[in-house]
Structure formats: C-alpha cells, structure tokens
Amino acid sequence: MTENQVFQYTVSKLIEALSSFPLDTPVLTSGYENGFENIQQPALKELVHKPNNPYYDGEYQLVSDGDSEPFQAVLLPRLERE
C-alpha cells in the first residue's frame, strides 16, 4: 500500500458508523461488474426483496409506490466514479 491511497473507511471507522444501527439490521452493498471501490457512509433505507430480478439489477431494490413487505437495511453503497 502506498501513502497516496485514500480509503473512506478503516475497520475502526466502519465499526463506529455501524454501531449506531440495531444489531439485527441486514447489511447490503451496491455492486455490478468487477473490481472494488471505496464505500460511502452507511445509511438506513427501506427496501423490498425482488428475487426474480436479473442479476444486474440486484435482488433488493429501494421501495417504490405499490411495493409490499418493505424492510429496513443498512446500505454500504460503493463510491461511484465517472
């Protein structure tokens, strides 16, 4: 690792951020394609499970009008770069 690498979170910072959420809350991350990115600040969101979605859409989606059985999860979204 070089000094030029900048990480948004270390283990201790991530534990500190996650400690504000209930311990039984599911944790999910954004994804698609390959490689790895920094994560953004964890956030509690309402989601629905859509297991029949294509793999590239993810089986969990943010709640929209008409969705049933929403649940809360902590999201660790990846930092998106252009």
C-alpha atoms as a PDB file:
ATOM      1  CA  MET A   1       0.000   0.000   0.000  1.00  0.00           C
ATOM      2  CA  THR A   2       1.284   3.456  -0.825  1.00  0.00           C
ATOM      3  CA  GLU A   3       0.758   6.698   1.051  1.00  0.00           C
ATOM      4  CA  ASN A   4      -1.209   8.018  -1.943  1.00  0.00           C
ATOM      5  CA  GLN A   5      -4.058   5.541  -1.422  1.00  0.00           C
ATOM      6  CA  VAL A   6      -7.045   7.128   0.244  1.00  0.00           C
ATOM      7  CA  PHE A   7      -9.666   4.979   1.921  1.00  0.00           C
ATOM      8  CA  GLN A   8     -13.046   6.295   3.018  1.00  0.00           C
ATOM      9  CA  TYR A   9     -13.257   3.805   5.894  1.00  0.00           C
ATOM     10  CA  THR A  10     -10.949   1.767   8.048  1.00  0.00           C
ATOM     11  CA  VAL A  11     -12.267  -1.138  10.113  1.00  0.00           C
ATOM     12  CA  SER A  12     -12.488   1.049  13.218  1.00  0.00           C
ATOM     13  CA  LYS A  13     -14.352   3.842  11.387  1.00  0.00           C
ATOM     14  CA  LEU A  14     -16.781   1.360   9.837  1.00  0.00           C
ATOM     15  CA  ILE A  15     -17.464  -0.320  13.191  1.00  0.00           C
ATOM     16  CA  GLU A  16     -18.108   3.102  14.711  1.00  0.00           C
ATOM     17  CA  ALA A  17     -20.523   4.040  11.892  1.00  0.00           C
ATOM     18  CA  LEU A  18     -22.367   0.714  12.055  1.00  0.00           C
ATOM     19  CA  SER A  19     -22.676   0.798  15.850  1.00  0.00           C
ATOM     20  CA  SER A  20     -25.482   3.371  15.569  1.00  0.00           C
ATOM     21  CA  PHE A  21     -27.799   0.822  13.886  1.00  0.00           C
ATOM     22  CA  PRO A  22     -29.731  -2.028  15.551  1.00  0.00           C
ATOM     23  CA  LEU A  23     -27.561  -5.149  15.713  1.00  0.00           C
ATOM     24  CA  ASP A  24     -30.054  -7.341  13.828  1.00  0.00           C
ATOM     25  CA  THR A  25     -30.324  -4.991  10.817  1.00  0.00           C
ATOM     26  CA  PRO A  26     -29.345  -6.588   7.480  1.00  0.00           C
ATOM     27  CA  VAL A  27     -26.369  -5.024   5.672  1.00  0.00           C
ATOM     28  CA  LEU A  28     -26.233  -4.803   1.868  1.00  0.00           C
ATOM     29  CA  THR A  29     -23.883  -3.270  -0.647  1.00  0.00           C
ATOM     30  CA  SER A  30     -24.237  -1.966  -4.174  1.00  0.00           C
ATOM     31  CA  GLY A  31     -22.483  -3.801  -6.908  1.00  0.00           C
ATOM     32  CA  TYR A  32     -22.235  -4.882 -10.544  1.00  0.00           C
ATOM     33  CA  GLU A  33     -19.343  -5.596 -12.803  1.00  0.00           C
ATOM     34  CA  ASN A  34     -15.888  -6.157 -11.305  1.00  0.00           C
ATOM     35  CA  GLY A  35     -13.228  -4.538  -9.181  1.00  0.00           C
ATOM     36  CA  PHE A  36     -13.626  -2.741  -5.895  1.00  0.00           C
ATOM     37  CA  GLU A  37     -14.381   0.801  -4.763  1.00  0.00           C
ATOM     38  CA  ASN A  38     -14.485   2.761  -1.525  1.00  0.00           C
ATOM     39  CA  ILE A  39     -17.831   2.768   0.244  1.00  0.00           C
ATOM     40  CA  GLN A  40     -19.957   5.766   1.120  1.00  0.00           C
ATOM     41  CA  GLN A  41     -21.354   6.444   4.582  1.00  0.00           C
ATOM     42  CA  PRO A  42     -23.670   3.639   5.757  1.00  0.00           C
ATOM     43  CA  ALA A  43     -27.355   4.611   5.579  1.00  0.00           C
ATOM     44  CA  LEU A  44     -30.605   3.017   6.751  1.00  0.00           C
ATOM     45  CA  LYS A  45     -33.032   2.583   3.828  1.00  0.00           C
ATOM     46  CA  GLU A  46     -36.377   0.893   3.120  1.00  0.00           C
ATOM     47  CA  LEU A  47     -36.048  -1.934   0.610  1.00  0.00           C
ATOM     48  CA  VAL A  48     -38.061  -4.738  -0.930  1.00  0.00           C
ATOM     49  CA  HIS A  49     -36.877  -8.180  -1.958  1.00  0.00           C
ATOM     50  CA  LYS A  50     -37.295  -8.939  -5.667  1.00  0.00           C
ATOM     51  CA  PRO A  51     -35.591 -12.314  -6.124  1.00  0.00           C
ATOM     52  CA  ASN A  52     -36.680 -12.656  -9.757  1.00  0.00           C
ATOM     53  CA  ASN A  53     -34.816  -9.518 -10.890  1.00  0.00           C
ATOM     54  CA  PRO A  54     -31.988 -10.071 -13.368  1.00  0.00           C
ATOM     55  CA  TYR A  55     -28.607 -10.326 -11.615  1.00  0.00           C
ATOM     56  CA  TYR A  56     -27.537  -6.914 -12.935  1.00  0.00           C
ATOM     57  CA  ASP A  57     -30.500  -5.197 -11.235  1.00  0.00           C
ATOM     58  CA  GLY A  58     -29.904  -6.756  -7.829  1.00  0.00           C
ATOM     59  CA  GLU A  59     -32.440  -8.763  -5.866  1.00  0.00           C
ATOM     60  CA  TYR A  60     -33.049  -5.897  -3.402  1.00  0.00           C
ATOM     61  CA  GLN A  61     -34.476  -2.558  -4.527  1.00  0.00           C
ATOM     62  CA  LEU A  62     -35.428   0.723  -2.877  1.00  0.00           C
ATOM     63  CA  VAL A  63     -39.136   0.853  -2.023  1.00  0.00           C
ATOM     64  CA  SER A  64     -41.390   2.468  -4.623  1.00  0.00           C
ATOM     65  CA  ASP A  65     -45.151   3.021  -4.762  1.00  0.00           C
ATOM     66  CA  GLY A  66     -47.110  -0.208  -4.615  1.00  0.00           C
ATOM     67  CA  ASP A  67     -44.302  -2.367  -3.201  1.00  0.00           C
ATOM     68  CA  SER A  68     -45.331  -4.719  -0.432  1.00  0.00           C
ATOM     69  CA  GLU A  69     -43.390  -6.105   2.529  1.00  0.00           C
ATOM     70  CA  PRO A  70     -40.714  -3.417   2.835  1.00  0.00           C
ATOM     71  CA  PHE A  71     -37.936  -3.864   5.377  1.00  0.00           C
ATOM     72  CA  GLN A  72     -35.075  -1.728   6.608  1.00  0.00           C
ATOM     73  CA  ALA A  73     -31.442  -2.475   5.860  1.00  0.00           C
ATOM     74  CA  VAL A  74     -28.156  -0.666   6.217  1.00  0.00           C
ATOM     75  CA  LEU A  75     -26.666   0.086   2.823  1.00  0.00           C
ATOM     76  CA  LEU A  76     -22.948   0.344   2.170  1.00  0.00           C
ATOM     77  CA  PRO A  77     -23.121   1.962  -1.260  1.00  0.00           C
ATOM     78  CA  ARG A  78     -19.968   1.986  -3.310  1.00  0.00           C
ATOM     79  CA  LEU A  79     -18.385   5.287  -4.201  1.00  0.00           C
ATOM     80  CA  GLU A  80     -19.297   5.832  -7.852  1.00  0.00           C
ATOM     81  CA  ARG A  81     -16.700   7.358 -10.118  1.00  0.00           C
ATOM     82  CA  GLU A  82     -17.051   8.581 -13.674  1.00  0.00           C
END
